[in-house]
């Protein structure tokens, strides 16, 4: 299965893609994770991408396209398929993807903007990538990771002014991709329950994918 999981920032794309990968083996590819890994390594590419991200802007298409092309050509993706999380975010990216590989299905997550803003501005993570939410999934000890005991912090792109800009960018540049794909690729659509465990929402996605014989 070659899929795109699509939805606004903070809609749970990465979490659901990870659960799907665990359940059926399809490889999760997160362009956001790739960007953050480059930042962590302190590469020139990482520094350049961080400048865009911290301003709530999209990383230029030509950079993301090359990074993605390299990843999906690796043996695990060829053998098991993949779920793209965070790509494509613009029409040019979608057209570039058409030239690289066909897509079987789009998983579309539908959430109102106020839920997105509430989720992201209350998200906290640790240096090892464990994530918490001050409203829906707070740490047992304030500001301390339950898993590794390190300090929790707010990502620079989760500050309210940046989140609001990210939502605007999504509405203006990314949402039109739905129209681009609607005559090309089948859709599986879900309205995630904000307070439900991620596994419950992911199970709904898996049921719909299986009903349509995508795995």
Protein backbone atom coordinates (compact mmCIF):
# COMPACT_ATOMS: atom_id res chain seq x y z
CA UNK A 1 0.00 0.00 0.00
CA UNK A 2 1.26 3.43 -0.98
CA UNK A 3 -0.73 6.00 0.97
CA UNK A 4 -0.77 9.66 2.01
CA UNK A 5 -2.14 10.56 5.42
CA UNK A 6 -3.50 14.04 5.02
CA UNK A 7 -4.76 16.65 7.46
CA UNK A 8 -3.94 19.96 9.15
CA UNK A 9 -0.94 20.34 11.50
CA UNK A 10 -1.63 18.67 14.82
CA UNK A 11 -4.37 16.39 13.48
CA UNK A 12 -2.51 13.25 14.57
CA UNK A 13 -1.05 12.19 11.23
CA UNK A 14 2.25 11.01 12.68
CA UNK A 15 0.67 9.10 15.56
CA UNK A 16 -1.83 7.28 13.35
CA UNK A 17 0.79 6.50 10.71
CA UNK A 18 3.04 5.01 13.41
CA UNK A 19 0.22 2.80 14.71
CA UNK A 20 -0.61 1.65 11.17
CA UNK A 21 3.06 0.84 10.60
CA UNK A 22 3.09 -1.22 13.80
CA UNK A 23 -0.10 -3.10 12.88
CA UNK A 24 0.42 -3.90 9.18
CA UNK A 25 4.09 -3.12 8.49
CA UNK A 26 3.66 -0.31 5.97
CA UNK A 27 6.58 2.12 6.42
CA UNK A 28 5.80 5.54 7.88
CA UNK A 29 7.71 8.32 6.14
CA UNK A 30 7.54 11.66 7.93
CA UNK A 31 9.15 14.58 6.17
CA UNK A 32 8.90 16.39 9.50
CA UNK A 33 10.99 13.69 11.18
CA UNK A 34 13.54 13.87 8.38
CA UNK A 35 13.75 17.66 8.78
CA UNK A 36 14.16 17.41 12.56
CA UNK A 37 16.89 14.77 12.18
CA UNK A 38 18.83 17.07 9.88
CA UNK A 39 18.40 19.86 12.46
CA UNK A 40 19.57 17.57 15.27
CA UNK A 41 22.70 16.68 13.32
CA UNK A 42 23.35 20.38 12.73
CA UNK A 43 23.81 19.95 9.00
CA UNK A 44 23.68 22.93 6.65
CA UNK A 45 20.48 21.50 5.19
CA UNK A 46 19.01 21.20 8.69
CA UNK A 47 19.89 24.79 9.59
CA UNK A 48 18.34 26.06 6.38
CA UNK A 49 15.12 24.08 6.87
CA UNK A 50 14.84 25.20 10.52
CA UNK A 51 14.79 28.86 9.44
CA UNK A 52 11.66 28.22 7.40
CA UNK A 53 9.97 26.04 10.03
CA UNK A 54 10.52 28.49 12.90
CA UNK A 55 8.72 31.16 10.88
CA UNK A 56 5.76 28.84 10.21
CA UNK A 57 6.68 28.63 6.51
CA UNK A 58 6.98 25.55 4.31
CA UNK A 59 10.42 24.28 3.36
CA UNK A 60 10.97 24.91 -0.40
CA UNK A 61 9.63 22.17 -2.65
CA UNK A 62 12.91 21.31 -4.36
CA UNK A 63 14.54 20.45 -1.02
CA UNK A 64 11.69 18.28 0.27
CA UNK A 65 11.25 16.48 -3.07
CA UNK A 66 14.88 15.35 -3.18
CA UNK A 67 14.80 14.19 0.45
CA UNK A 68 11.60 12.20 -0.17
CA UNK A 69 12.78 10.65 -3.44
CA UNK A 70 15.87 9.29 -1.71
CA UNK A 71 13.82 7.79 1.14
CA UNK A 72 11.14 5.96 -0.84
CA UNK A 73 13.76 4.35 -3.08
CA UNK A 74 15.14 2.40 -0.11
CA UNK A 75 14.46 -1.38 0.07
CA UNK A 76 12.03 -1.32 3.02
CA UNK A 77 9.65 1.03 1.19
CA UNK A 78 9.89 -0.93 -2.04
CA UNK A 79 9.07 -4.16 -0.22
CA UNK A 80 6.41 -3.02 2.28
CA UNK A 81 4.95 0.17 0.83
CA UNK A 82 4.68 3.44 2.75
CA UNK A 83 2.48 6.08 4.33
CA UNK A 84 3.57 9.67 3.65
CA UNK A 85 3.12 11.97 6.64
CA UNK A 86 3.64 15.66 5.86
CA UNK A 87 3.99 15.34 2.10
CA UNK A 88 2.76 16.64 -0.26
CA UNK A 89 1.92 20.08 1.12
CA UNK A 90 1.68 21.99 -2.16
CA UNK A 91 0.35 21.27 -5.64
CA UNK A 92 3.89 21.32 -7.15
CA UNK A 93 4.94 18.71 -4.57
CA UNK A 94 1.95 16.54 -5.52
CA UNK A 95 2.81 16.80 -9.21
CA UNK A 96 6.42 15.92 -8.44
CA UNK A 97 5.24 12.87 -6.49
CA UNK A 98 3.19 11.74 -9.50
CA UNK A 99 6.44 11.46 -11.44
CA UNK A 100 8.13 9.44 -8.68
CA UNK A 101 5.48 6.89 -7.70
CA UNK A 102 1.71 6.17 -7.92
CA UNK A 103 -0.43 6.59 -4.79
CA UNK A 104 -3.12 4.05 -3.89
CA UNK A 105 -5.16 5.90 -1.26
CA UNK A 106 -5.42 9.16 0.68
CA UNK A 107 -6.30 9.01 4.38
CA UNK A 108 -7.95 12.36 5.11
CA UNK A 109 -8.26 13.58 8.72
CA UNK A 110 -10.88 16.27 9.31
CA UNK A 111 -10.64 18.56 12.35
CA UNK A 112 -11.79 22.15 13.07
CA UNK A 113 -9.10 24.84 13.39
CA UNK A 114 -9.79 25.54 17.08
CA UNK A 115 -8.97 21.93 17.97
CA UNK A 116 -5.70 22.14 16.03
CA UNK A 117 -4.65 25.35 17.79
CA UNK A 118 -5.56 23.93 21.21
CA UNK A 119 -3.65 20.71 20.55
CA UNK A 120 -0.44 22.24 19.26
CA UNK A 121 -0.08 25.12 21.72
CA UNK A 122 -0.44 22.62 24.58
CA UNK A 123 2.01 20.07 23.17
CA UNK A 124 5.26 19.46 25.02
CA UNK A 125 8.12 17.15 24.03
CA UNK A 126 11.40 15.94 25.53
CA UNK A 127 14.84 15.75 23.95
CA UNK A 128 14.20 12.10 23.06
CA UNK A 129 11.03 12.86 21.14
CA UNK A 130 8.38 11.67 23.62
CA UNK A 131 5.28 13.83 23.30
CA UNK A 132 2.67 14.99 25.82
CA UNK A 133 -0.30 17.34 25.82
CA UNK A 134 -1.11 19.54 28.80
CA UNK A 135 -4.85 18.99 28.24
CA UNK A 136 -5.32 15.51 26.72
CA UNK A 137 -2.20 13.63 27.86
CA UNK A 138 -0.36 15.57 30.62
CA UNK A 139 2.85 14.23 32.21
CA UNK A 140 2.53 12.72 35.68
CA UNK A 141 5.07 15.25 37.00
CA UNK A 142 4.78 18.78 35.53
CA UNK A 143 7.44 19.54 32.89
CA UNK A 144 9.07 16.08 33.24
CA UNK A 145 8.86 13.24 30.69
CA UNK A 146 7.15 10.12 32.06
CA UNK A 147 9.34 7.86 29.90
CA UNK A 148 12.92 9.13 30.28
CA UNK A 149 12.73 11.75 33.05
CA UNK A 150 14.13 14.56 30.93
CA UNK A 151 12.71 18.08 30.86
CA UNK A 152 9.75 18.84 28.62
CA UNK A 153 9.71 21.91 26.41
CA UNK A 154 7.56 23.62 23.81
CA UNK A 155 8.77 23.43 20.22
CA UNK A 156 9.34 26.82 18.64
CA UNK A 157 6.77 26.03 15.93
CA UNK A 158 4.13 25.21 18.59
CA UNK A 159 3.96 28.77 19.93
CA UNK A 160 0.52 30.27 19.34
CA UNK A 161 1.49 32.90 16.77
CA UNK A 162 3.39 30.31 14.72
CA UNK A 163 0.58 27.74 15.02
CA UNK A 164 -1.99 30.24 13.76
CA UNK A 165 0.26 31.00 10.81
CA UNK A 166 0.74 27.28 10.11
CA UNK A 167 -3.05 26.85 10.01
CA UNK A 168 -3.36 29.75 7.55
CA UNK A 169 -0.60 28.28 5.36
CA UNK A 170 -2.42 24.94 5.42
CA UNK A 171 -5.71 26.50 4.36
CA UNK A 172 -4.12 28.53 1.57
CA UNK A 173 -1.50 26.16 0.15
CA UNK A 174 -2.09 22.59 1.27
CA UNK A 175 -5.86 22.03 1.46
CA UNK A 176 -6.31 22.57 -2.33
CA UNK A 177 -4.41 19.30 -2.82
CA UNK A 178 -7.64 17.51 -1.88
CA UNK A 179 -9.21 18.92 -5.04
CA UNK A 180 -6.15 17.88 -7.06
CA UNK A 181 -6.44 14.27 -5.90
CA UNK A 182 -10.20 13.80 -5.68
CA UNK A 183 -10.53 12.56 -9.28
CA UNK A 184 -7.25 10.63 -9.18
CA UNK A 185 -7.06 8.62 -5.95
CA UNK A 186 -9.59 6.95 -3.59
CA UNK A 187 -10.15 8.64 -0.22
CA UNK A 188 -10.63 7.23 3.27
CA UNK A 189 -11.97 10.03 5.49
CA UNK A 190 -12.27 10.17 9.26
CA UNK A 191 -13.16 12.79 11.87
CA UNK A 192 -10.89 11.83 14.79
CA UNK A 193 -12.38 12.06 18.27
CA UNK A 194 -10.12 14.64 20.02
CA UNK A 195 -10.29 12.97 23.45
CA UNK A 196 -10.24 9.36 22.24
CA UNK A 197 -7.07 7.25 22.58
CA UNK A 198 -5.06 7.36 19.32
CA UNK A 199 -5.44 3.59 18.99
CA UNK A 200 -9.22 3.96 18.73
CA UNK A 201 -9.02 6.46 15.87
CA UNK A 202 -6.28 4.45 14.15
CA UNK A 203 -8.45 1.32 14.37
CA UNK A 204 -11.21 3.14 12.47
CA UNK A 205 -8.73 4.01 9.74
CA UNK A 206 -7.49 0.41 9.50
CA UNK A 207 -11.04 -0.95 9.30
CA UNK A 208 -11.86 1.38 6.39
CA UNK A 209 -8.60 0.55 4.60
CA UNK A 210 -9.28 -3.17 4.93
CA UNK A 211 -12.89 -2.80 3.78
CA UNK A 212 -11.58 -1.22 0.57
CA UNK A 213 -8.88 -3.91 0.20
CA UNK A 214 -5.86 -1.61 0.48
CA UNK A 215 -4.07 -4.19 2.64
